[in-house]
Amino acid sequence: MLVIDNLCAEIDGKPILKGLSLTVDAGSVHAIMGPNGAGKSTLSYVLAGRDNYTVTGGSVTFRGQDLLSLAPHERATAGMFLGLQYPVEIPGVSNLLFLRTALNAQRVLRGEAEASGAEFMKLAKAAAEKLGLPFDMMKRAVNQGFSGGEKKRNEMVQMHILQPWFAVLDETDSGLDIDALRVVADGINAMRGPDRAALLITHYQRLLDYVVPDHIHVLMDGRIVQSGGPELAHKLEAEGYSAIAA
């Protein structure tokens, strides 16, 4: 589904990714762990097409397409979803309006029929209920006045409504108490399937107790330096990254 080959990227002339390679097959969940400044968030931004991140080498193929040649909205239409580490607020725009507009924009670009008001409300209510987000919050401005946990739940609601083929979740566990973590993890697990895949970016092993990945990768200094199964997260939790660096 996603093939990253020798990807190099920089911001403001500073190299961050320095030859990163990774293959994520459909039906799998991969996790990336690493110390601060390793390039984890940069990888997520490059995949999403964020401004100011310049690709200087390598390639990314997503479901047979050259991902790097696509504009951000085209990547979203192709089925790429980015869950932000710090979800932004959008004053004056309700969650419901934001999500229906996003969903229908993607459907139009795919040549599909737009969701009617009734169809969308059914989708929104089901997603909010599944993720434990009071439906009244869907009527409020996007993330405005939300707690950290509510913002993360709201992003999971967005993911469930948009139904992407591939989700990149950048530290979606940060700022969550144990109850919110379980709800968000349940939301991620509910999206697992043979035709979908996810890349979880996290500092900590605790999320991986609830969303067990197929593969874990250690990212340091812009490259993946070690890969393994779920047991690798426990090793990192116990020994830290210094053992890997050695």
Protein backbone atom coordinates (compact mmCIF):
# COMPACT_ATOMS: atom_id res chain seq x y z
CA MET A 1 0.00 0.00 0.00
CA LEU A 2 2.74 2.45 0.96
CA VAL A 3 6.35 2.17 -0.17
CA ILE A 4 8.88 4.75 1.04
CA ASP A 5 12.27 4.41 -0.62
CA ASN A 6 15.33 6.29 0.61
CA LEU A 7 13.28 9.37 1.51
CA CYS A 8 15.25 12.54 2.31
CA ALA A 9 13.62 15.77 3.45
CA GLU A 10 14.56 19.06 5.03
CA ILE A 11 12.99 22.13 6.56
CA ASP A 12 14.54 25.58 6.27
CA GLY A 13 17.61 23.97 4.76
CA LYS A 14 18.13 21.58 7.69
CA PRO A 15 18.13 17.87 6.74
CA ILE A 16 15.71 15.86 8.89
CA LEU A 17 14.97 12.64 6.99
CA LYS A 18 18.19 11.07 5.72
CA GLY A 19 17.36 8.03 3.65
CA LEU A 20 14.27 6.55 5.29
CA SER A 21 12.81 3.39 3.76
CA LEU A 22 9.63 1.64 4.84
CA THR A 23 6.99 -0.62 3.30
CA VAL A 24 3.50 -0.88 4.78
CA ASP A 25 1.25 -3.58 3.33
CA ALA A 26 -2.55 -3.41 3.23
CA GLY A 27 -4.10 -4.92 6.33
CA SER A 28 -1.18 -4.04 8.60
CA VAL A 29 -0.46 -1.58 11.39
CA HIS A 30 3.08 -0.27 11.82
CA ALA A 31 4.38 1.81 14.72
CA ILE A 32 7.31 4.20 14.66
CA MET A 33 9.07 5.08 17.90
CA GLY A 34 12.10 7.24 18.51
CA PRO A 35 13.55 10.06 20.59
CA ASN A 36 12.66 13.72 20.20
CA GLY A 37 14.09 15.22 17.02
CA ALA A 38 14.44 11.89 15.23
CA GLY A 39 12.13 12.93 12.38
CA LYS A 40 8.87 11.21 13.35
CA SER A 41 6.57 14.21 12.91
CA THR A 42 8.52 15.32 9.85
CA LEU A 43 7.72 11.99 8.23
CA SER A 44 4.00 12.48 8.89
CA TYR A 45 4.07 16.03 7.49
CA VAL A 46 5.96 14.97 4.36
CA LEU A 47 3.44 12.19 3.71
CA ALA A 48 0.57 14.67 4.10
CA GLY A 49 2.24 17.29 1.89
CA ARG A 50 2.63 20.07 4.45
CA ASP A 51 4.21 23.33 3.27
CA ASN A 52 7.84 24.15 4.14
CA TYR A 53 8.93 20.50 4.16
CA THR A 54 11.11 19.94 1.11
CA VAL A 55 11.76 16.47 -0.26
CA THR A 56 15.35 16.31 -1.49
CA GLY A 57 15.55 12.65 -2.47
CA GLY A 58 13.81 9.31 -2.63
CA SER A 59 10.25 8.36 -3.50
CA VAL A 60 6.90 7.50 -1.93
CA THR A 61 4.38 5.29 -3.69
CA PHE A 62 0.84 5.08 -2.31
CA ARG A 63 -1.57 2.53 -3.78
CA GLY A 64 0.36 2.62 -7.03
CA GLN A 65 0.55 6.43 -7.27
CA ASP A 66 3.49 8.79 -6.87
CA LEU A 67 2.38 10.37 -3.61
CA LEU A 68 4.90 13.20 -3.72
CA SER A 69 3.48 14.48 -7.01
CA LEU A 70 0.03 15.00 -5.47
CA ALA A 71 -1.25 18.13 -3.75
CA PRO A 72 -2.40 17.70 -0.13
CA HIS A 73 -6.10 17.57 -1.07
CA GLU A 74 -5.33 15.00 -3.75
CA ARG A 75 -3.55 12.84 -1.18
CA ALA A 76 -6.62 13.03 1.05
CA THR A 77 -8.86 12.10 -1.87
CA ALA A 78 -6.58 9.14 -2.63
CA GLY A 79 -7.23 7.90 0.91
CA MET A 80 -4.47 9.40 3.08
CA PHE A 81 -5.42 10.71 6.54
CA LEU A 82 -3.21 12.57 9.02
CA GLY A 83 -4.07 12.70 12.70
CA LEU A 84 -2.21 15.68 14.16
CA GLN A 85 -0.20 15.69 17.36
CA TYR A 86 -1.76 19.06 18.17
CA PRO A 87 -5.19 19.31 16.47
CA VAL A 88 -5.98 22.88 15.46
CA GLU A 89 -9.04 24.93 16.34
CA ILE A 90 -11.18 26.43 13.58
CA PRO A 91 -13.35 29.17 15.14
CA GLY A 92 -16.71 29.78 13.47
CA VAL A 93 -16.83 26.47 11.60
CA SER A 94 -18.90 23.71 13.14
CA ASN A 95 -17.65 20.15 13.23
CA LEU A 96 -20.68 19.02 11.25
CA LEU A 97 -20.18 21.58 8.48
CA PHE A 98 -16.43 20.92 8.35
CA LEU A 99 -16.82 17.16 8.09
CA ARG A 100 -19.68 17.14 5.61
CA THR A 101 -17.78 19.58 3.38
CA ALA A 102 -14.62 17.45 3.57
CA LEU A 103 -16.47 14.20 2.93
CA ASN A 104 -18.40 15.54 -0.05
CA ALA A 105 -15.33 17.26 -1.53
CA GLN A 106 -13.55 13.91 -1.52
CA ARG A 107 -16.56 12.11 -2.97
CA VAL A 108 -16.89 14.63 -5.81
CA LEU A 109 -13.20 14.29 -6.73
CA ARG A 110 -13.63 10.51 -6.77
CA GLY A 111 -16.67 10.78 -9.03
CA GLU A 112 -19.01 9.60 -6.28
CA ALA A 113 -22.39 10.97 -5.20
CA GLU A 114 -22.38 13.49 -2.37
CA ALA A 115 -23.77 12.43 1.00
CA SER A 116 -27.24 13.79 1.65
CA GLY A 117 -27.95 15.61 4.88
CA ALA A 118 -29.72 12.57 6.31
CA GLU A 119 -26.95 10.16 5.28
CA PHE A 120 -24.27 12.38 6.74
CA MET A 121 -26.08 12.86 10.06
CA LYS A 122 -26.41 9.08 10.37
CA LEU A 123 -22.66 8.68 9.77
CA ALA A 124 -21.77 11.47 12.19
CA LYS A 125 -24.00 10.20 15.00
CA ALA A 126 -22.68 6.64 14.66
CA ALA A 127 -19.04 7.79 14.68
CA ALA A 128 -19.52 10.12 17.65
CA GLU A 129 -21.26 7.40 19.64
CA LYS A 130 -18.54 4.86 18.85
CA LEU A 131 -15.80 7.27 19.96
CA GLY A 132 -17.58 8.51 23.08
CA LEU A 133 -17.89 12.11 21.85
CA PRO A 134 -21.17 13.79 22.90
CA PHE A 135 -23.06 14.69 19.75
CA ASP A 136 -23.59 18.25 20.97
CA MET A 137 -19.84 18.74 20.53
CA MET A 138 -20.24 17.98 16.84
CA LYS A 139 -22.30 21.15 16.58
CA ARG A 140 -19.57 23.30 18.11
CA ALA A 141 -16.68 24.98 16.27
CA VAL A 142 -13.94 22.53 15.34
CA ASN A 143 -11.92 21.73 18.48
CA GLN A 144 -12.71 25.12 20.05
CA GLY A 145 -12.84 24.78 23.82
CA PHE A 146 -12.14 21.04 23.60
CA SER A 147 -9.82 19.35 26.06
CA GLY A 148 -6.78 17.51 24.71
CA GLY A 149 -8.60 14.20 24.97
CA GLU A 150 -11.71 15.57 23.28
CA LYS A 151 -9.63 16.88 20.38
CA LYS A 152 -8.12 13.42 19.86
CA ARG A 153 -11.54 11.75 20.03
CA ASN A 154 -12.78 14.31 17.53
CA GLU A 155 -9.98 13.37 15.14
CA MET A 156 -10.97 9.72 15.47
CA VAL A 157 -14.55 10.73 14.59
CA GLN A 158 -13.20 12.49 11.51
CA MET A 159 -11.28 9.37 10.53
CA HIS A 160 -14.33 7.15 10.91
CA ILE A 161 -16.45 9.44 8.76
CA LEU A 162 -13.84 9.88 6.01
CA GLN A 163 -12.86 6.18 6.00
CA PRO A 164 -9.30 6.59 4.65
CA TRP A 165 -7.31 3.70 3.23
CA PHE A 166 -4.24 4.78 5.17
CA ALA A 167 -4.04 6.68 8.46
CA VAL A 168 -0.92 8.36 9.82
CA LEU A 169 -1.52 9.08 13.50
CA ASP A 170 1.11 11.40 14.96
CA GLU A 171 1.26 10.87 18.74
CA THR A 172 -2.49 10.49 18.96
CA ASP A 173 -1.98 9.14 22.49
CA SER A 174 -0.40 12.32 23.86
CA GLY A 175 -2.47 14.11 26.49
CA LEU A 176 -4.89 11.23 26.99
CA ASP A 177 -5.91 9.76 30.32
CA ILE A 178 -6.34 5.99 30.51
CA ASP A 179 -10.08 6.04 29.70
CA ALA A 180 -9.64 8.31 26.68
CA LEU A 181 -6.68 6.22 25.53
CA ARG A 182 -8.83 3.09 25.51
CA VAL A 183 -11.60 4.82 23.56
CA VAL A 184 -9.17 6.14 20.96
CA ALA A 185 -7.46 2.76 20.71
CA ASP A 186 -10.84 1.10 20.15
CA GLY A 187 -11.47 3.60 17.37
CA ILE A 188 -8.18 2.73 15.69
CA ASN A 189 -8.80 -0.99 16.03
CA ALA A 190 -12.28 -0.60 14.54
CA MET A 191 -10.67 0.78 11.37
CA ARG A 192 -8.41 -2.23 10.92
CA GLY A 193 -9.19 -4.38 7.92
CA PRO A 194 -7.62 -6.23 5.00
CA ASP A 195 -7.84 -3.18 2.70
CA ARG A 196 -6.64 -0.55 5.18
CA ALA A 197 -3.41 0.23 6.98
CA ALA A 198 -2.09 2.60 9.62
CA LEU A 199 1.17 4.13 10.79
CA LEU A 200 1.24 4.99 14.49
CA ILE A 201 3.86 7.48 15.66
CA THR A 202 4.38 7.38 19.42
CA HIS A 203 6.92 7.93 22.17
CA TYR A 204 5.44 5.40 24.51
CA GLN A 205 4.61 1.74 24.64
CA ARG A 206 1.26 2.23 26.40
CA LEU A 207 -0.79 2.83 23.22
CA LEU A 208 0.65 -0.36 21.78
CA ASP A 209 -0.88 -2.36 24.64
CA TYR A 210 -4.28 -1.54 23.12
CA VAL A 211 -3.41 -1.29 19.42
CA VAL A 212 -0.99 -4.14 18.88
CA PRO A 213 1.07 -3.38 15.76
CA ASP A 214 2.31 -5.92 13.27
CA HIS A 215 5.69 -4.19 13.11
CA ILE A 216 7.58 -1.63 15.19
CA HIS A 217 10.36 0.55 13.80
CA VAL A 218 12.89 2.70 15.64
CA LEU A 219 13.60 6.02 13.95
CA MET A 220 16.79 7.83 14.90
CA ASP A 221 18.56 10.69 13.13
CA GLY A 222 16.27 10.51 10.13
CA ARG A 223 16.58 6.78 9.44
CA ILE A 224 14.96 3.57 10.61
CA VAL A 225 17.71 1.80 12.53
CA GLN A 226 15.86 -1.24 13.86
CA SER A 227 12.60 -3.08 13.27
CA GLY A 228 10.82 -5.85 15.10
CA GLY A 229 7.58 -7.13 16.55
CA PRO A 230 5.55 -5.88 19.53
CA GLU A 231 8.27 -7.07 21.90
CA LEU A 232 10.54 -4.28 20.64
CA ALA A 233 8.34 -1.67 22.32
CA HIS A 234 8.76 -3.39 25.68
CA LYS A 235 12.51 -3.46 25.18
CA LEU A 236 12.57 0.27 24.47
CA GLU A 237 10.38 0.96 27.50
CA ALA A 238 12.76 -0.98 29.71
CA GLU A 239 16.12 0.03 28.25
CA GLY A 240 15.52 3.32 26.43
CA TYR A 241 16.96 4.34 23.09
CA SER A 242 20.55 4.35 24.30
CA ALA A 243 20.68 0.56 23.87
CA ILE A 244 19.66 0.96 20.23
CA ALA A 245 22.14 3.76 19.65
CA ALA A 246 24.92 1.60 21.06
